[in-house]
Structure formats: structure tokens, C-alpha cells
Amino acid sequence: MSYKTLLLVGILLIGTLSSCAVQQAQGVEQYKQAVTCYEAKNYTQASRLLKEALPMIQGKQEASKAQFMLAYCQFYCKDYVQSADSFQTFYLTFSRDPHKEEALYKQGEALYLASPDERLDAQITQEAVSALAAYQDQYPAGTYIEQAAQYH
């Protein structure tokens, strides 16, 4: 490779890296704004900010907290199907996080709350029962075992 080609590649690489750093910084800033909205119980705004921030903060410490908070925002806004999906994403992605147990339980609870009259559509109800059974199997002495038994 010629000197000019190497120089051009180097400049492009530096530009790309600095662009990634700027995006991560923006993501962290949006995450902080989302936390403020969440603490003020403005869950709709917090949810919007978290959805925007999550792709930019993947791999950072804030990512697990953001995913968990997003799931709760959706839960509090009564978007139970989306909340269940977000809790499942958290549970599967952050398998070592201390909130893993809670996420599995909340996934089942959200699905249960999303269930229409089972005579109309039993699919979501069956998913709820399955998620709550998975919680009971994995955490037989878990924090939410009594609540899970109520729905089952």
C-alpha cells in the first residue's frame, strides 16, 4: 500500500472511532435524561429516550439498567406485551444481572395482564402460564413465588 492510502485509511478509522465515541456519549446523556424522567414518573418520555439510547450504549454499564427500566416504563404505561418482550430481552441478554429473577417473573405477569378473555385468544394466556411456570421451576423459593402461584 502506498503512503497516501495508509494515511487515508488511518484518517477514516480515526473518524469512525471518534463518531462511535460521540454516539456513546450521546447515548449515555439520553440515558441520564431517561432516568430523570423515570424518577419523575414520566414513563412515556423515559421509554422514548431509553429506546433511542439503548443501541448507542450497548456494551456499556448503563445498558442493563436501561433495558430493565424500559421494561418497567412499558409496564407502567400498560403496554404489557411490549413490556413482556423487554423483560424477556433483559432476562436473556443480562443473565448474570441480579434482577434476572425479577425480570422472568415480570415477563409472566405482564403477559398475564395482557391476556384478553381466554375465549377470545388463548395464545397470550398460554405464554403467560408458560413464563410463570418457568419462573416457578427456576426459582422454587424465589422472591415472587407466591405472586406467580396466584396467576398460575
Protein backbone atom coordinates (compact mmCIF):
# COMPACT_ATOMS: atom_id res chain seq x y z
CA MET A 1 0.00 0.00 0.00
CA SER A 2 1.12 3.48 -0.70
CA TYR A 3 1.67 6.09 1.95
CA LYS A 4 -1.39 8.06 0.79
CA THR A 5 -3.63 5.00 1.02
CA LEU A 6 -2.43 4.22 4.54
CA LEU A 7 -2.94 7.82 5.57
CA LEU A 8 -6.48 7.83 4.14
CA VAL A 9 -7.33 4.56 5.89
CA GLY A 10 -5.93 5.94 9.16
CA ILE A 11 -7.98 9.12 8.88
CA LEU A 12 -11.15 7.15 8.13
CA LEU A 13 -10.50 4.83 11.06
CA ILE A 14 -9.95 7.72 13.45
CA GLY A 15 -13.10 9.41 12.16
CA THR A 16 -15.13 6.25 12.66
CA LEU A 17 -13.82 5.72 16.19
CA SER A 18 -14.49 9.30 17.20
CA SER A 19 -18.00 9.05 15.71
CA CYS A 20 -18.66 5.93 17.83
CA ALA A 21 -17.39 7.71 20.94
CA VAL A 22 -19.68 10.67 20.25
CA GLN A 23 -22.66 8.33 19.77
CA GLN A 24 -21.90 6.53 23.02
CA ALA A 25 -21.64 9.84 24.85
CA GLN A 26 -25.00 10.90 23.37
CA GLY A 27 -26.49 7.58 24.40
CA VAL A 28 -25.26 7.96 27.97
CA GLU A 29 -26.68 11.51 28.08
CA GLN A 30 -30.06 10.26 26.81
CA TYR A 31 -29.93 7.50 29.40
CA LYS A 32 -29.37 10.08 32.16
CA GLN A 33 -32.31 12.12 30.88
CA ALA A 34 -34.42 8.97 30.85
CA VAL A 35 -33.51 8.26 34.48
CA THR A 36 -34.67 11.76 35.41
CA CYS A 37 -37.97 11.21 33.57
CA TYR A 38 -38.38 7.77 35.15
CA GLU A 39 -37.83 9.14 38.65
CA ALA A 40 -40.42 11.84 37.89
CA LYS A 41 -42.79 9.04 36.80
CA ASN A 42 -42.88 10.35 33.25
CA TYR A 43 -42.72 6.83 31.86
CA THR A 44 -43.74 7.67 28.31
CA GLN A 45 -40.88 10.14 27.87
CA ALA A 46 -38.45 7.86 29.69
CA SER A 47 -39.44 4.98 27.40
CA ARG A 48 -38.84 7.06 24.27
CA LEU A 49 -35.41 8.18 25.49
CA LEU A 50 -34.41 4.67 26.51
CA LYS A 51 -35.40 3.21 23.13
CA GLU A 52 -33.19 5.82 21.45
CA ALA A 53 -30.30 5.36 23.89
CA LEU A 54 -30.12 1.56 24.02
CA PRO A 55 -28.49 0.99 20.62
CA MET A 56 -25.86 3.61 21.45
CA ILE A 57 -24.92 2.23 24.87
CA GLN A 58 -24.71 -1.49 24.11
CA GLY A 59 -21.72 -2.92 25.93
CA LYS A 60 -21.68 -0.12 28.49
CA GLN A 61 -22.57 -0.46 32.15
CA GLU A 62 -25.78 1.51 31.63
CA ALA A 63 -27.20 -0.93 29.06
CA SER A 64 -28.61 -3.46 31.55
CA LYS A 65 -30.16 -0.73 33.69
CA ALA A 66 -31.63 0.92 30.60
CA GLN A 67 -33.20 -2.33 29.35
CA PHE A 68 -34.68 -3.10 32.76
CA MET A 69 -36.01 0.44 33.14
CA LEU A 70 -37.50 0.33 29.63
CA ALA A 71 -39.41 -2.84 30.52
CA TYR A 72 -40.82 -1.16 33.63
CA CYS A 73 -41.74 2.00 31.70
CA GLN A 74 -43.75 -0.10 29.28
CA PHE A 75 -45.31 -2.00 32.18
CA TYR A 76 -46.35 1.22 33.94
CA CYS A 77 -47.79 2.54 30.64
CA LYS A 78 -49.82 -0.70 30.45
CA ASP A 79 -48.10 -1.78 27.24
CA TYR A 80 -47.89 -5.27 28.66
CA VAL A 81 -46.98 -7.21 25.52
CA GLN A 82 -44.06 -4.88 24.78
CA SER A 83 -43.09 -4.93 28.45
CA ALA A 84 -43.03 -8.73 28.48
CA ASP A 85 -40.80 -8.67 25.41
CA SER A 86 -38.44 -6.17 27.05
CA PHE A 87 -38.28 -8.19 30.28
CA GLN A 88 -37.50 -11.29 28.21
CA THR A 89 -34.77 -9.43 26.33
CA PHE A 90 -33.29 -8.36 29.65
CA TYR A 91 -33.51 -11.88 31.08
CA LEU A 92 -31.81 -13.45 28.07
CA THR A 93 -29.21 -10.72 27.48
CA PHE A 94 -28.11 -9.96 31.03
CA SER A 95 -28.10 -13.45 32.50
CA ARG A 96 -25.75 -12.52 35.36
CA ASP A 97 -27.64 -9.44 36.48
CA PRO A 98 -29.17 -9.61 39.97
CA HIS A 99 -32.55 -8.54 38.52
CA LYS A 100 -32.76 -11.65 36.34
CA GLU A 101 -35.26 -13.37 38.65
CA GLU A 102 -37.48 -10.31 38.79
CA ALA A 103 -37.38 -9.95 35.00
CA LEU A 104 -38.57 -13.53 34.46
CA TYR A 105 -41.44 -13.06 36.91
CA LYS A 106 -42.42 -9.66 35.44
CA GLN A 107 -42.42 -11.15 31.94
CA GLY A 108 -45.04 -13.66 33.05
CA GLU A 109 -47.04 -11.07 34.97
CA ALA A 110 -47.05 -8.68 32.01
CA LEU A 111 -48.24 -11.43 29.68
CA TYR A 112 -50.94 -12.37 32.15
CA LEU A 113 -52.12 -8.75 32.35
CA ALA A 114 -52.08 -8.55 28.54
CA SER A 115 -54.27 -11.64 28.23
CA PRO A 116 -57.70 -10.99 26.85
CA ASP A 117 -60.61 -13.20 27.76
CA GLU A 118 -59.17 -16.64 27.01
CA ARG A 119 -62.28 -17.49 24.96
CA LEU A 120 -61.16 -14.79 22.51
CA ASP A 121 -57.45 -15.57 22.21
CA ALA A 122 -55.67 -18.10 24.37
CA GLN A 123 -52.18 -17.59 22.90
CA ILE A 124 -51.07 -14.79 25.23
CA THR A 125 -52.65 -16.57 28.18
CA GLN A 126 -50.68 -19.72 27.33
CA GLU A 127 -47.48 -17.68 27.03
CA ALA A 128 -48.17 -16.14 30.45
CA VAL A 129 -48.74 -19.54 32.03
CA SER A 130 -45.57 -20.84 30.40
CA ALA A 131 -43.46 -17.87 31.61
CA LEU A 132 -44.82 -18.11 35.15
CA ALA A 133 -44.23 -21.88 35.20
CA ALA A 134 -40.65 -21.26 34.04
CA TYR A 135 -40.24 -18.80 36.91
CA GLN A 136 -41.58 -21.32 39.42
CA ASP A 137 -39.31 -24.05 38.02
CA GLN A 138 -36.18 -21.92 38.09
CA TYR A 139 -36.87 -20.16 41.38
CA PRO A 140 -38.89 -22.56 43.59
CA ALA A 141 -38.02 -20.47 46.65
CA GLY A 142 -37.95 -17.19 44.75
CA THR A 143 -39.00 -13.77 45.91
CA TYR A 144 -42.12 -13.76 43.71
CA ILE A 145 -43.15 -17.41 44.09
CA GLU A 146 -46.42 -16.63 45.90
CA GLN A 147 -47.42 -13.98 43.35
CA ALA A 148 -46.58 -16.33 40.48
CA ALA A 149 -48.79 -19.03 42.02
CA GLN A 150 -51.73 -16.59 42.05
CA TYR A 151 -51.63 -16.22 38.28
CA HIS A 152 -50.99 -19.87 37.56
